[in-house]
Amino acid sequence: MLGIRTAVVIEDDADIRGLIQAILGASAIDVRTAPTGTTGVTAVREHDPDIVILDFGLPDINGLEVIERIRIFSDVHILMLTGHEEMAEKLTLAGANTVMTKPFRPGALKARVHEALQLPLQKP
């Protein structure tokens, strides 16, 4: 049996951050959150998560910078959320493993996270 999985959610919008936390929490994933890129990088360093859910537009540094900083010390799976569909290739080249565009469907996010963590997807 695998241990509890951990996620770090780096998202400045409190409503979206709460939604993602609820989606992942329903899958028994321990969720740590950060409202800025710099606090998010620190949270990744401190919690060594199994996955990072990362928003592109953050108030201090953008998602590309966050990816670059995380990749210095971690190969964690990074699922990037962005409203900029045209950025997908650049984000992938920078080190994002998965790119989802906003707005996203909660079920689609859950499926992507389960796929990344190789967890079974339970039917509702």
PDB file of N, CA and C in Angstrom:
ATOM      1  N   MET A   1       0.848  -1.184   0.000  1.00  0.00           N
ATOM      2  CA  MET A   1       0.000   0.000   0.000  1.00  0.00           C
ATOM      3  C   MET A   1       0.889   1.241   0.000  1.00  0.00           C
ATOM      4  N   LEU A   2       0.530   2.189  -0.828  1.00  0.00           N
ATOM      5  CA  LEU A   2       1.292   3.423  -0.905  1.00  0.00           C
ATOM      6  C   LEU A   2       0.914   4.342   0.243  1.00  0.00           C
ATOM      7  N   GLY A   3       1.862   5.166   0.672  1.00  0.00           N
ATOM      8  CA  GLY A   3       1.583   6.119   1.736  1.00  0.00           C
ATOM      9  C   GLY A   3       0.726   7.267   1.231  1.00  0.00           C
ATOM     10  N   ILE A   4       0.458   8.175   2.127  1.00  0.00           N
ATOM     11  CA  ILE A   4      -0.334   9.345   1.769  1.00  0.00           C
ATOM     12  C   ILE A   4       0.452  10.188   0.775  1.00  0.00           C
ATOM     13  N   ARG A   5      -0.221  10.609  -0.267  1.00  0.00           N
ATOM     14  CA  ARG A   5       0.398  11.479  -1.265  1.00  0.00           C
ATOM     15  C   ARG A   5       0.253  12.930  -0.822  1.00  0.00           C
ATOM     16  N   THR A   6       1.203  13.750  -1.222  1.00  0.00           N
ATOM     17  CA  THR A   6       1.204  15.163  -0.863  1.00  0.00           C
ATOM     18  C   THR A   6       1.230  16.010  -2.120  1.00  0.00           C
ATOM     19  N   ALA A   7       0.478  17.100  -2.091  1.00  0.00           N
ATOM     20  CA  ALA A   7       0.467  18.061  -3.191  1.00  0.00           C
ATOM     21  C   ALA A   7       0.727  19.446  -2.630  1.00  0.00           C
ATOM     22  N   VAL A   8       1.423  20.257  -3.414  1.00  0.00           N
ATOM     23  CA  VAL A   8       1.558  21.678  -3.119  1.00  0.00           C
ATOM     24  C   VAL A   8       0.813  22.417  -4.219  1.00  0.00           C
ATOM     25  N   VAL A   9      -0.129  23.264  -3.809  1.00  0.00           N
ATOM     26  CA  VAL A   9      -0.916  24.065  -4.747  1.00  0.00           C
ATOM     27  C   VAL A   9      -0.427  25.501  -4.645  1.00  0.00           C
ATOM     28  N   ILE A  10       0.094  26.021  -5.762  1.00  0.00           N
ATOM     29  CA  ILE A  10       0.602  27.388  -5.809  1.00  0.00           C
ATOM     30  C   ILE A  10      -0.361  28.181  -6.685  1.00  0.00           C
ATOM     31  N   GLU A  11      -1.221  28.942  -6.033  1.00  0.00           N
ATOM     32  CA  GLU A  11      -2.316  29.651  -6.708  1.00  0.00           C
ATOM     33  C   GLU A  11      -2.652  30.886  -5.890  1.00  0.00           C
ATOM     34  N   ASP A  12      -2.698  32.058  -6.538  1.00  0.00           N
ATOM     35  CA  ASP A  12      -2.972  33.289  -5.803  1.00  0.00           C
ATOM     36  C   ASP A  12      -4.454  33.544  -5.565  1.00  0.00           C
ATOM     37  N   ASP A  13      -5.338  32.973  -6.369  1.00  0.00           N
ATOM     38  CA  ASP A  13      -6.775  33.169  -6.189  1.00  0.00           C
ATOM     39  C   ASP A  13      -7.285  32.207  -5.119  1.00  0.00           C
ATOM     40  N   ALA A  14      -7.754  32.771  -3.998  1.00  0.00           N
ATOM     41  CA  ALA A  14      -8.166  31.945  -2.850  1.00  0.00           C
ATOM     42  C   ALA A  14      -9.301  30.987  -3.207  1.00  0.00           C
ATOM     43  N   ASP A  15     -10.235  31.408  -4.057  1.00  0.00           N
ATOM     44  CA  ASP A  15     -11.350  30.535  -4.434  1.00  0.00           C
ATOM     45  C   ASP A  15     -10.867  29.334  -5.232  1.00  0.00           C
ATOM     46  N   ILE A  16      -9.993  29.570  -6.201  1.00  0.00           N
ATOM     47  CA  ILE A  16      -9.459  28.473  -7.014  1.00  0.00           C
ATOM     48  C   ILE A  16      -8.581  27.569  -6.152  1.00  0.00           C
ATOM     49  N   ARG A  17      -7.772  28.177  -5.290  1.00  0.00           N
ATOM     50  CA  ARG A  17      -6.923  27.409  -4.380  1.00  0.00           C
ATOM     51  C   ARG A  17      -7.778  26.496  -3.504  1.00  0.00           C
ATOM     52  N   GLY A  18      -8.877  27.018  -2.979  1.00  0.00           N
ATOM     53  CA  GLY A  18      -9.779  26.226  -2.154  1.00  0.00           C
ATOM     54  C   GLY A  18     -10.452  25.113  -2.935  1.00  0.00           C
ATOM     55  N   LEU A  19     -10.845  25.389  -4.175  1.00  0.00           N
ATOM     56  CA  LEU A  19     -11.458  24.370  -5.027  1.00  0.00           C
ATOM     57  C   LEU A  19     -10.479  23.228  -5.288  1.00  0.00           C
ATOM     58  N   ILE A  20      -9.254  23.566  -5.650  1.00  0.00           N
ATOM     59  CA  ILE A  20      -8.241  22.532  -5.909  1.00  0.00           C
ATOM     60  C   ILE A  20      -7.968  21.729  -4.640  1.00  0.00           C
ATOM     61  N   GLN A  21      -7.900  22.416  -3.508  1.00  0.00           N
ATOM     62  CA  GLN A  21      -7.672  21.728  -2.238  1.00  0.00           C
ATOM     63  C   GLN A  21      -8.809  20.748  -1.955  1.00  0.00           C
ATOM     64  N   ALA A  22     -10.041  21.139  -2.231  1.00  0.00           N
ATOM     65  CA  ALA A  22     -11.187  20.256  -2.003  1.00  0.00           C
ATOM     66  C   ALA A  22     -11.158  19.052  -2.949  1.00  0.00           C
ATOM     67  N   ILE A  23     -10.819  19.290  -4.216  1.00  0.00           N
ATOM     68  CA  ILE A  23     -10.748  18.205  -5.204  1.00  0.00           C
ATOM     69  C   ILE A  23      -9.702  17.180  -4.778  1.00  0.00           C
ATOM     70  N   LEU A  24      -8.519  17.649  -4.408  1.00  0.00           N
ATOM     71  CA  LEU A  24      -7.440  16.736  -4.037  1.00  0.00           C
ATOM     72  C   LEU A  24      -7.697  16.093  -2.682  1.00  0.00           C
ATOM     73  N   GLY A  25      -8.240  16.861  -1.756  1.00  0.00           N
ATOM     74  CA  GLY A  25      -8.554  16.330  -0.429  1.00  0.00           C
ATOM     75  C   GLY A  25      -9.551  15.192  -0.497  1.00  0.00           C
ATOM     76  N   ALA A  26     -10.500  15.272  -1.436  1.00  0.00           N
ATOM     77  CA  ALA A  26     -11.488  14.198  -1.622  1.00  0.00           C
ATOM     78  C   ALA A  26     -10.826  12.908  -2.098  1.00  0.00           C
ATOM     79  N   SER A  27      -9.618  13.016  -2.622  1.00  0.00           N
ATOM     80  CA  SER A  27      -8.856  11.843  -3.068  1.00  0.00           C
ATOM     81  C   SER A  27      -7.820  11.432  -2.027  1.00  0.00           C
ATOM     82  N   ALA A  28      -7.974  11.924  -0.806  1.00  0.00           N
ATOM     83  CA  ALA A  28      -7.076  11.597   0.312  1.00  0.00           C
ATOM     84  C   ALA A  28      -5.635  12.030   0.041  1.00  0.00           C
ATOM     85  N   ILE A  29      -5.484  13.147  -0.655  1.00  0.00           N
ATOM     86  CA  ILE A  29      -4.165  13.730  -0.893  1.00  0.00           C
ATOM     87  C   ILE A  29      -3.982  14.862   0.112  1.00  0.00           C
ATOM     88  N   ASP A  30      -2.848  14.856   0.805  1.00  0.00           N
ATOM     89  CA  ASP A  30      -2.523  15.912   1.766  1.00  0.00           C
ATOM     90  C   ASP A  30      -2.113  17.148   0.971  1.00  0.00           C
ATOM     91  N   VAL A  31      -2.835  18.246   1.143  1.00  0.00           N
ATOM     92  CA  VAL A  31      -2.616  19.437   0.331  1.00  0.00           C
ATOM     93  C   VAL A  31      -2.012  20.567   1.154  1.00  0.00           C
ATOM     94  N   ARG A  32      -0.932  21.119   0.647  1.00  0.00           N
ATOM     95  CA  ARG A  32      -0.308  22.328   1.198  1.00  0.00           C
ATOM     96  C   ARG A  32      -0.518  23.420   0.162  1.00  0.00           C
ATOM     97  N   THR A  33      -0.810  24.631   0.605  1.00  0.00           N
ATOM     98  CA  THR A  33      -1.079  25.699  -0.355  1.00  0.00           C
ATOM     99  C   THR A  33      -0.131  26.868  -0.159  1.00  0.00           C
ATOM    100  N   ALA A  34       0.024  27.630  -1.244  1.00  0.00           N
ATOM    101  CA  ALA A  34       0.864  28.821  -1.229  1.00  0.00           C
ATOM    102  C   ALA A  34       0.249  29.850  -2.183  1.00  0.00           C
ATOM    103  N   PRO A  35       0.130  31.107  -1.741  1.00  0.00           N
ATOM    104  CA  PRO A  35      -0.480  32.129  -2.583  1.00  0.00           C
ATOM    105  C   PRO A  35       0.484  32.868  -3.510  1.00  0.00           C
ATOM    106  N   THR A  36       1.783  32.614  -3.384  1.00  0.00           N
ATOM    107  CA  THR A  36       2.771  33.280  -4.238  1.00  0.00           C
ATOM    108  C   THR A  36       3.789  32.263  -4.743  1.00  0.00           C
ATOM    109  N   GLY A  37       4.516  32.656  -5.767  1.00  0.00           N
ATOM    110  CA  GLY A  37       5.538  31.775  -6.309  1.00  0.00           C
ATOM    111  C   GLY A  37       6.665  31.494  -5.335  1.00  0.00           C
ATOM    112  N   THR A  38       7.136  32.514  -4.643  1.00  0.00           N
ATOM    113  CA  THR A  38       8.254  32.302  -3.729  1.00  0.00           C
ATOM    114  C   THR A  38       7.860  31.425  -2.539  1.00  0.00           C
ATOM    115  N   THR A  39       6.661  31.642  -1.989  1.00  0.00           N
ATOM    116  CA  THR A  39       6.220  30.774  -0.891  1.00  0.00           C
ATOM    117  C   THR A  39       5.947  29.369  -1.395  1.00  0.00           C
ATOM    118  N   GLY A  40       5.541  29.264  -2.644  1.00  0.00           N
ATOM    119  CA  GLY A  40       5.319  27.946  -3.242  1.00  0.00           C
ATOM    120  C   GLY A  40       6.607  27.156  -3.394  1.00  0.00           C
ATOM    121  N   VAL A  41       7.650  27.808  -3.867  1.00  0.00           N
ATOM    122  CA  VAL A  41       8.954  27.149  -4.002  1.00  0.00           C
ATOM    123  C   VAL A  41       9.425  26.665  -2.625  1.00  0.00           C
ATOM    124  N   THR A  42       9.259  27.501  -1.612  1.00  0.00           N
ATOM    125  CA  THR A  42       9.625  27.118  -0.252  1.00  0.00           C
ATOM    126  C   THR A  42       8.813  25.912   0.210  1.00  0.00           C
ATOM    127  N   ALA A  43       7.513  25.913  -0.078  1.00  0.00           N
ATOM    128  CA  ALA A  43       6.651  24.786   0.319  1.00  0.00           C
ATOM    129  C   ALA A  43       7.071  23.491  -0.371  1.00  0.00           C
ATOM    130  N   VAL A  44       7.463  23.576  -1.635  1.00  0.00           N
ATOM    131  CA  VAL A  44       7.935  22.382  -2.344  1.00  0.00           C
ATOM    132  C   VAL A  44       9.209  21.863  -1.685  1.00  0.00           C
ATOM    133  N   ARG A  45      10.103  22.763  -1.341  1.00  0.00           N
ATOM    134  CA  ARG A  45      11.362  22.370  -0.690  1.00  0.00           C
ATOM    135  C   ARG A  45      11.079  21.723   0.677  1.00  0.00           C
ATOM    136  N   GLU A  46      10.143  22.286   1.435  1.00  0.00           N
ATOM    137  CA  GLU A  46       9.851  21.805   2.785  1.00  0.00           C
ATOM    138  C   GLU A  46       9.050  20.499   2.815  1.00  0.00           C
ATOM    139  N   HIS A  47       8.105  20.339   1.883  1.00  0.00           N
ATOM    140  CA  HIS A  47       7.176  19.211   1.958  1.00  0.00           C
ATOM    141  C   HIS A  47       7.482  18.074   0.987  1.00  0.00           C
ATOM    142  N   ASP A  48       8.412  18.277   0.045  1.00  0.00           N
ATOM    143  CA  ASP A  48       8.787  17.249  -0.927  1.00  0.00           C
ATOM    144  C   ASP A  48       7.544  16.532  -1.473  1.00  0.00           C
ATOM    145  N   PRO A  49       6.649  17.279  -2.144  1.00  0.00           N
ATOM    146  CA  PRO A  49       5.379  16.700  -2.576  1.00  0.00           C
ATOM    147  C   PRO A  49       5.527  15.715  -3.731  1.00  0.00           C
ATOM    148  N   ASP A  50       4.445  14.970  -3.959  1.00  0.00           N
ATOM    149  CA  ASP A  50       4.371  14.060  -5.098  1.00  0.00           C
ATOM    150  C   ASP A  50       3.950  14.799  -6.360  1.00  0.00           C
ATOM    151  N   ILE A  51       3.244  15.924  -6.184  1.00  0.00           N
ATOM    152  CA  ILE A  51       2.782  16.722  -7.320  1.00  0.00           C
ATOM    153  C   ILE A  51       2.665  18.180  -6.903  1.00  0.00           C
ATOM    154  N   VAL A  52       2.881  19.065  -7.866  1.00  0.00           N
ATOM    155  CA  VAL A  52       2.698  20.498  -7.672  1.00  0.00           C
ATOM    156  C   VAL A  52       1.659  20.965  -8.686  1.00  0.00           C
ATOM    157  N   ILE A  53       0.641  21.656  -8.194  1.00  0.00           N
ATOM    158  CA  ILE A  53      -0.339  22.297  -9.072  1.00  0.00           C
ATOM    159  C   ILE A  53       0.032  23.770  -9.063  1.00  0.00           C
ATOM    160  N   LEU A  54       0.384  24.301 -10.223  1.00  0.00           N
ATOM    161  CA  LEU A  54       0.988  25.627 -10.315  1.00  0.00           C
ATOM    162  C   LEU A  54       0.217  26.529 -11.267  1.00  0.00           C
ATOM    163  N   ASP A  55      -0.157  27.706 -10.775  1.00  0.00           N
ATOM    164  CA  ASP A  55      -0.782  28.726 -11.603  1.00  0.00           C
ATOM    165  C   ASP A  55       0.313  29.505 -12.318  1.00  0.00           C
ATOM    166  N   PHE A  56       0.033  29.960 -13.524  1.00  0.00           N
ATOM    167  CA  PHE A  56       1.036  30.741 -14.251  1.00  0.00           C
ATOM    168  C   PHE A  56       1.127  32.166 -13.721  1.00  0.00           C
ATOM    169  N   GLY A  57      -0.011  32.831 -13.584  1.00  0.00           N
ATOM    170  CA  GLY A  57      -0.016  34.233 -13.193  1.00  0.00           C
ATOM    171  C   GLY A  57      -0.042  34.399 -11.681  1.00  0.00           C
ATOM    172  N   LEU A  58       1.099  34.676 -11.117  1.00  0.00           N
ATOM    173  CA  LEU A  58       1.223  34.864  -9.669  1.00  0.00           C
ATOM    174  C   LEU A  58       1.641  36.299  -9.385  1.00  0.00           C
ATOM    175  N   PRO A  59       1.391  36.798  -8.166  1.00  0.00           N
ATOM    176  CA  PRO A  59       1.659  38.213  -7.894  1.00  0.00           C
ATOM    177  C   PRO A  59       3.133  38.595  -7.817  1.00  0.00           C
ATOM    178  N   ASP A  60       4.019  37.634  -7.549  1.00  0.00           N
ATOM    179  CA  ASP A  60       5.434  37.993  -7.394  1.00  0.00           C
ATOM    180  C   ASP A  60       6.284  37.545  -8.574  1.00  0.00           C
ATOM    181  N   ILE A  61       6.310  36.255  -8.858  1.00  0.00           N
ATOM    182  CA  ILE A  61       7.057  35.725 -10.006  1.00  0.00           C
ATOM    183  C   ILE A  61       6.102  34.849 -10.798  1.00  0.00           C
ATOM    184  N   ASN A  62       6.331  34.740 -12.104  1.00  0.00           N
ATOM    185  CA  ASN A  62       5.391  33.942 -12.895  1.00  0.00           C
ATOM    186  C   ASN A  62       5.733  32.450 -12.830  1.00  0.00           C
ATOM    187  N   GLY A  63       4.823  31.651 -13.369  1.00  0.00           N
ATOM    188  CA  GLY A  63       4.966  30.202 -13.316  1.00  0.00           C
ATOM    189  C   GLY A  63       6.250  29.681 -13.940  1.00  0.00           C
ATOM    190  N   LEU A  64       6.744  30.328 -14.996  1.00  0.00           N
ATOM    191  CA  LEU A  64       8.005  29.888 -15.611  1.00  0.00           C
ATOM    192  C   LEU A  64       9.156  29.986 -14.611  1.00  0.00           C
ATOM    193  N   GLU A  65       9.208  31.092 -13.890  1.00  0.00           N
ATOM    194  CA  GLU A  65      10.261  31.283 -12.889  1.00  0.00           C
ATOM    195  C   GLU A  65      10.125  30.256 -11.763  1.00  0.00           C
ATOM    196  N   VAL A  66       8.883  29.974 -11.362  1.00  0.00           N
ATOM    197  CA  VAL A  66       8.653  28.980 -10.313  1.00  0.00           C
ATOM    198  C   VAL A  66       9.168  27.618 -10.776  1.00  0.00           C
ATOM    199  N   ILE A  67       8.837  27.235 -12.011  1.00  0.00           N
ATOM    200  CA  ILE A  67       9.315  25.955 -12.556  1.00  0.00           C
ATOM    201  C   ILE A  67      10.834  25.903 -12.521  1.00  0.00           C
ATOM    202  N   GLU A  68      11.474  26.966 -13.005  1.00  0.00           N
ATOM    203  CA  GLU A  68      12.935  26.999 -13.036  1.00  0.00           C
ATOM    204  C   GLU A  68      13.529  26.830 -11.638  1.00  0.00           C
ATOM    205  N   ARG A  69      12.946  27.487 -10.657  1.00  0.00           N
ATOM    206  CA  ARG A  69      13.467  27.393  -9.288  1.00  0.00           C
ATOM    207  C   ARG A  69      13.251  25.994  -8.702  1.00  0.00           C
ATOM    208  N   ILE A  70      12.082  25.402  -8.954  1.00  0.00           N
ATOM    209  CA  ILE A  70      11.816  24.059  -8.434  1.00  0.00           C
ATOM    210  C   ILE A  70      12.731  23.034  -9.095  1.00  0.00           C
ATOM    211  N   ARG A  71      12.953  23.163 -10.391  1.00  0.00           N
ATOM    212  CA  ARG A  71      13.757  22.172 -11.114  1.00  0.00           C
ATOM    213  C   ARG A  71      15.216  22.156 -10.670  1.00  0.00           C
ATOM    214  N   ILE A  72      15.670  23.174  -9.967  1.00  0.00           N
ATOM    215  CA  ILE A  72      17.030  23.181  -9.433  1.00  0.00           C
ATOM    216  C   ILE A  72      17.213  22.074  -8.400  1.00  0.00           C
ATOM    217  N   PHE A  73      16.150  21.762  -7.642  1.00  0.00           N
ATOM    218  CA  PHE A  73      16.278  20.795  -6.555  1.00  0.00           C
ATOM    219  C   PHE A  73      15.277  19.641  -6.586  1.00  0.00           C
ATOM    220  N   SER A  74      14.343  19.630  -7.548  1.00  0.00           N
ATOM    221  CA  SER A  74      13.315  18.593  -7.526  1.00  0.00           C
ATOM    222  C   SER A  74      12.863  18.200  -8.928  1.00  0.00           C
ATOM    223  N   ASP A  75      12.499  16.922  -9.074  1.00  0.00           N
ATOM    224  CA  ASP A  75      11.916  16.450 -10.330  1.00  0.00           C
ATOM    225  C   ASP A  75      10.435  16.117 -10.136  1.00  0.00           C
ATOM    226  N   VAL A  76       9.798  16.743  -9.126  1.00  0.00           N
ATOM    227  CA  VAL A  76       8.386  16.538  -8.828  1.00  0.00           C
ATOM    228  C   VAL A  76       7.529  16.776 -10.081  1.00  0.00           C
ATOM    229  N   HIS A  77       6.418  16.067 -10.175  1.00  0.00           N
ATOM    230  CA  HIS A  77       5.476  16.277 -11.285  1.00  0.00           C
ATOM    231  C   HIS A  77       4.832  17.649 -11.113  1.00  0.00           C
ATOM    232  N   ILE A  78       4.943  18.493 -12.130  1.00  0.00           N
ATOM    233  CA  ILE A  78       4.337  19.825 -12.094  1.00  0.00           C
ATOM    234  C   ILE A  78       3.188  19.874 -13.087  1.00  0.00           C
ATOM    235  N   LEU A  79       1.986  20.119 -12.560  1.00  0.00           N
ATOM    236  CA  LEU A  79       0.799  20.321 -13.376  1.00  0.00           C
ATOM    237  C   LEU A  79       0.530  21.815 -13.399  1.00  0.00           C
ATOM    238  N   MET A  80       0.684  22.402 -14.562  1.00  0.00           N
ATOM    239  CA  MET A  80       0.567  23.847 -14.735  1.00  0.00           C
ATOM    240  C   MET A  80      -0.847  24.215 -15.122  1.00  0.00           C
ATOM    241  N   LEU A  81      -1.407  25.201 -14.447  1.00  0.00           N
ATOM    242  CA  LEU A  81      -2.713  25.761 -14.800  1.00  0.00           C
ATOM    243  C   LEU A  81      -2.490  27.146 -15.380  1.00  0.00           C
ATOM    244  N   THR A  82      -3.052  27.398 -16.558  1.00  0.00           N
ATOM    245  CA  THR A  82      -2.865  28.699 -17.173  1.00  0.00           C
ATOM    246  C   THR A  82      -4.062  29.078 -18.025  1.00  0.00           C
ATOM    247  N   GLY A  83      -4.324  30.348 -18.073  1.00  0.00           N
ATOM    248  CA  GLY A  83      -5.338  30.872 -18.975  1.00  0.00           C
ATOM    249  C   GLY A  83      -4.745  31.200 -20.334  1.00  0.00           C
ATOM    250  N   HIS A  84      -3.466  30.938 -20.498  1.00  0.00           N
ATOM    251  CA  HIS A  84      -2.741  31.259 -21.735  1.00  0.00           C
ATOM    252  C   HIS A  84      -2.427  29.972 -22.497  1.00  0.00           C
ATOM    253  N   GLU A  85      -3.380  29.499 -23.270  1.00  0.00           N
ATOM    254  CA  GLU A  85      -3.216  28.243 -23.996  1.00  0.00           C
ATOM    255  C   GLU A  85      -1.983  28.249 -24.895  1.00  0.00           C
ATOM    256  N   GLU A  86      -1.648  29.414 -25.436  1.00  0.00           N
ATOM    257  CA  GLU A  86      -0.499  29.524 -26.334  1.00  0.00           C
ATOM    258  C   GLU A  86       0.839  29.292 -25.614  1.00  0.00           C
ATOM    259  N   MET A  87       0.827  29.278 -24.289  1.00  0.00           N
ATOM    260  CA  MET A  87       2.050  29.078 -23.508  1.00  0.00           C
ATOM    261  C   MET A  87       2.377  27.610 -23.257  1.00  0.00           C
ATOM    262  N   ALA A  88       1.487  26.699 -23.631  1.00  0.00           N
ATOM    263  CA  ALA A  88       1.642  25.279 -23.278  1.00  0.00           C
ATOM    264  C   ALA A  88       3.004  24.714 -23.669  1.00  0.00           C
ATOM    265  N   GLU A  89       3.438  24.941 -24.895  1.00  0.00           N
ATOM    266  CA  GLU A  89       4.716  24.375 -25.341  1.00  0.00           C
ATOM    267  C   GLU A  89       5.892  24.974 -24.556  1.00  0.00           C
ATOM    268  N   LYS A  90       5.866  26.272 -24.348  1.00  0.00           N
ATOM    269  CA  LYS A  90       6.948  26.931 -23.603  1.00  0.00           C
ATOM    270  C   LYS A  90       7.009  26.412 -22.164  1.00  0.00           C
ATOM    271  N   LEU A  91       5.840  26.199 -21.541  1.00  0.00           N
ATOM    272  CA  LEU A  91       5.788  25.698 -20.172  1.00  0.00           C
ATOM    273  C   LEU A  91       6.311  24.266 -20.091  1.00  0.00           C
ATOM    274  N   THR A  92       5.974  23.468 -21.084  1.00  0.00           N
ATOM    275  CA  THR A  92       6.454  22.086 -21.126  1.00  0.00           C
ATOM    276  C   THR A  92       7.973  22.060 -21.300  1.00  0.00           C
ATOM    277  N   LEU A  93       8.471  22.889 -22.187  1.00  0.00           N
ATOM    278  CA  LEU A  93       9.920  22.958 -22.396  1.00  0.00           C
ATOM    279  C   LEU A  93      10.645  23.434 -21.136  1.00  0.00           C
ATOM    280  N   ALA A  94       9.993  24.279 -20.346  1.00  0.00           N
ATOM    281  CA  ALA A  94      10.592  24.790 -19.114  1.00  0.00           C
ATOM    282  C   ALA A  94      10.612  23.746 -18.005  1.00  0.00           C
ATOM    283  N   GLY A  95       9.785  22.693 -18.140  1.00  0.00           N
ATOM    284  CA  GLY A  95       9.810  21.645 -17.127  1.00  0.00           C
ATOM    285  C   GLY A  95       8.468  21.232 -16.563  1.00  0.00           C
ATOM    286  N   ALA A  96       7.373  21.831 -17.053  1.00  0.00           N
ATOM    287  CA  ALA A  96       6.047  21.389 -16.607  1.00  0.00           C
ATOM    288  C   ALA A  96       5.768  20.024 -17.240  1.00  0.00           C
ATOM    289  N   ASN A  97       5.220  19.101 -16.454  1.00  0.00           N
ATOM    290  CA  ASN A  97       4.898  17.778 -16.979  1.00  0.00           C
ATOM    291  C   ASN A  97       3.548  17.754 -17.671  1.00  0.00           C
ATOM    292  N   THR A  98       2.616  18.547 -17.161  1.00  0.00           N
ATOM    293  CA  THR A  98       1.258  18.603 -17.674  1.00  0.00           C
ATOM    294  C   THR A  98       0.816  20.056 -17.692  1.00  0.00           C
ATOM    295  N   VAL A  99       0.083  20.453 -18.728  1.00  0.00           N
ATOM    296  CA  VAL A  99      -0.461  21.805 -18.803  1.00  0.00           C
ATOM    297  C   VAL A  99      -1.966  21.699 -19.012  1.00  0.00           C
ATOM    298  N   MET A 100      -2.726  22.371 -18.147  1.00  0.00           N
ATOM    299  CA  MET A 100      -4.176  22.456 -18.283  1.00  0.00           C
ATOM    300  C   MET A 100      -4.549  23.924 -18.395  1.00  0.00           C
ATOM    301  N   THR A 101      -5.518  24.211 -19.257  1.00  0.00           N
ATOM    302  CA  THR A 101      -5.947  25.592 -19.393  1.00  0.00           C
ATOM    303  C   THR A 101      -7.120  25.887 -18.462  1.00  0.00           C
ATOM    304  N   LYS A 102      -7.170  27.128 -18.023  1.00  0.00           N
ATOM    305  CA  LYS A 102      -8.289  27.625 -17.227  1.00  0.00           C
ATOM    306  C   LYS A 102      -9.298  28.231 -18.186  1.00  0.00           C
ATOM    307  N   PRO A 103     -10.564  28.148 -17.902  1.00  0.00           N
ATOM    308  CA  PRO A 103     -11.133  27.435 -16.769  1.00  0.00           C
ATOM    309  C   PRO A 103     -11.026  25.922 -16.980  1.00  0.00           C
ATOM    310  N   PHE A 104     -10.992  25.176 -15.890  1.00  0.00           N
ATOM    311  CA  PHE A 104     -10.881  23.723 -15.969  1.00  0.00           C
ATOM    312  C   PHE A 104     -12.082  23.091 -15.276  1.00  0.00           C
ATOM    313  N   ARG A 105     -12.384  21.879 -15.666  1.00  0.00           N
ATOM    314  CA  ARG A 105     -13.440  21.117 -15.007  1.00  0.00           C
ATOM    315  C   ARG A 105     -12.825  20.360 -13.839  1.00  0.00           C
ATOM    316  N   PRO A 106     -13.457  20.390 -12.661  1.00  0.00           N
ATOM    317  CA  PRO A 106     -12.909  19.678 -11.514  1.00  0.00           C
ATOM    318  C   PRO A 106     -12.620  18.205 -11.801  1.00  0.00           C
ATOM    319  N   GLY A 107     -13.505  17.538 -12.532  1.00  0.00           N
ATOM    320  CA  GLY A 107     -13.288  16.127 -12.859  1.00  0.00           C
ATOM    321  C   GLY A 107     -12.064  15.914 -13.727  1.00  0.00           C
ATOM    322  N   ALA A 108     -11.816  16.861 -14.635  1.00  0.00           N
ATOM    323  CA  ALA A 108     -10.637  16.755 -15.502  1.00  0.00           C
ATOM    324  C   ALA A 108      -9.353  16.943 -14.694  1.00  0.00           C
ATOM    325  N   LEU A 109      -9.371  17.882 -13.747  1.00  0.00           N
ATOM    326  CA  LEU A 109      -8.197  18.079 -12.899  1.00  0.00           C
ATOM    327  C   LEU A 109      -7.939  16.834 -12.061  1.00  0.00           C
ATOM    328  N   LYS A 110      -8.995  16.300 -11.471  1.00  0.00           N
ATOM    329  CA  LYS A 110      -8.856  15.091 -10.658  1.00  0.00           C
ATOM    330  C   LYS A 110      -8.269  13.960 -11.498  1.00  0.00           C
ATOM    331  N   ALA A 111      -8.759  13.787 -12.716  1.00  0.00           N
ATOM    332  CA  ALA A 111      -8.257  12.722 -13.590  1.00  0.00           C
ATOM    333  C   ALA A 111      -6.779  12.917 -13.909  1.00  0.00           C
ATOM    334  N   ARG A 112      -6.379  14.154 -14.190  1.00  0.00           N
ATOM    335  CA  ARG A 112      -4.965  14.426 -14.498  1.00  0.00           C
ATOM    336  C   ARG A 112      -4.064  14.143 -13.298  1.00  0.00           C
ATOM    337  N   VAL A 113      -4.527  14.525 -12.105  1.00  0.00           N
ATOM    338  CA  VAL A 113      -3.735  14.284 -10.899  1.00  0.00           C
ATOM    339  C   VAL A 113      -3.623  12.789 -10.634  1.00  0.00           C
ATOM    340  N   HIS A 114      -4.737  12.071 -10.753  1.00  0.00           N
ATOM    341  CA  HIS A 114      -4.711  10.618 -10.530  1.00  0.00           C
ATOM    342  C   HIS A 114      -3.793   9.935 -11.537  1.00  0.00           C
ATOM    343  N   GLU A 115      -3.839  10.400 -12.784  1.00  0.00           N
ATOM    344  CA  GLU A 115      -2.953   9.842 -13.818  1.00  0.00           C
ATOM    345  C   GLU A 115      -1.490  10.097 -13.465  1.00  0.00           C
ATOM    346  N   ALA A 116      -1.182  11.320 -13.059  1.00  0.00           N
ATOM    347  CA  ALA A 116       0.206  11.675 -12.725  1.00  0.00           C
ATOM    348  C   ALA A 116       0.722  10.869 -11.535  1.00  0.00           C
ATOM    349  N   LEU A 117      -0.150  10.641 -10.564  1.00  0.00           N
ATOM    350  CA  LEU A 117       0.252   9.918  -9.358  1.00  0.00           C
ATOM    351  C   LEU A 117       0.004   8.421  -9.461  1.00  0.00           C
ATOM    352  N   GLN A 118      -0.505   8.001 -10.608  1.00  0.00           N
ATOM    353  CA  GLN A 118      -0.823   6.582 -10.857  1.00  0.00           C
ATOM    354  C   GLN A 118      -1.759   6.037  -9.779  1.00  0.00           C
ATOM    355  N   LEU A 119      -2.803   6.836  -9.488  1.00  0.00           N
ATOM    356  CA  LEU A 119      -3.834   6.434  -8.539  1.00  0.00           C
ATOM    357  C   LEU A 119      -5.060   5.957  -9.321  1.00  0.00           C
ATOM    358  N   PRO A 120      -5.789   4.999  -8.797  1.00  0.00           N
ATOM    359  CA  PRO A 120      -7.015   4.583  -9.464  1.00  0.00           C
ATOM    360  C   PRO A 120      -8.043   5.706  -9.386  1.00  0.00           C
ATOM    361  N   LEU A 121      -8.780   5.900 -10.457  1.00  0.00           N
ATOM    362  CA  LEU A 121      -9.823   6.919 -10.491  1.00  0.00           C
ATOM    363  C   LEU A 121     -11.138   6.277 -10.125  1.00  0.00           C
ATOM    364  N   GLN A 122     -11.671   6.643  -8.972  1.00  0.00           N
ATOM    365  CA  GLN A 122     -12.911   6.060  -8.479  1.00  0.00           C
ATOM    366  C   GLN A 122     -14.088   6.732  -9.141  1.00  0.00           C
ATOM    367  N   LYS A 123     -15.080   5.956  -9.473  1.00  0.00           N
ATOM    368  CA  LYS A 123     -16.309   6.503 -10.051  1.00  0.00           C
ATOM    369  C   LYS A 123     -17.163   7.078  -8.927  1.00  0.00           C
ATOM    370  N   PRO A 124     -17.859   8.206  -9.192  1.00  0.00           N
ATOM    371  CA  PRO A 124     -18.688   8.799  -8.136  1.00  0.00           C
ATOM    372  C   PRO A 124     -19.868   7.923  -7.778  1.00  0.00           C
TER     373      PRO A 124
END
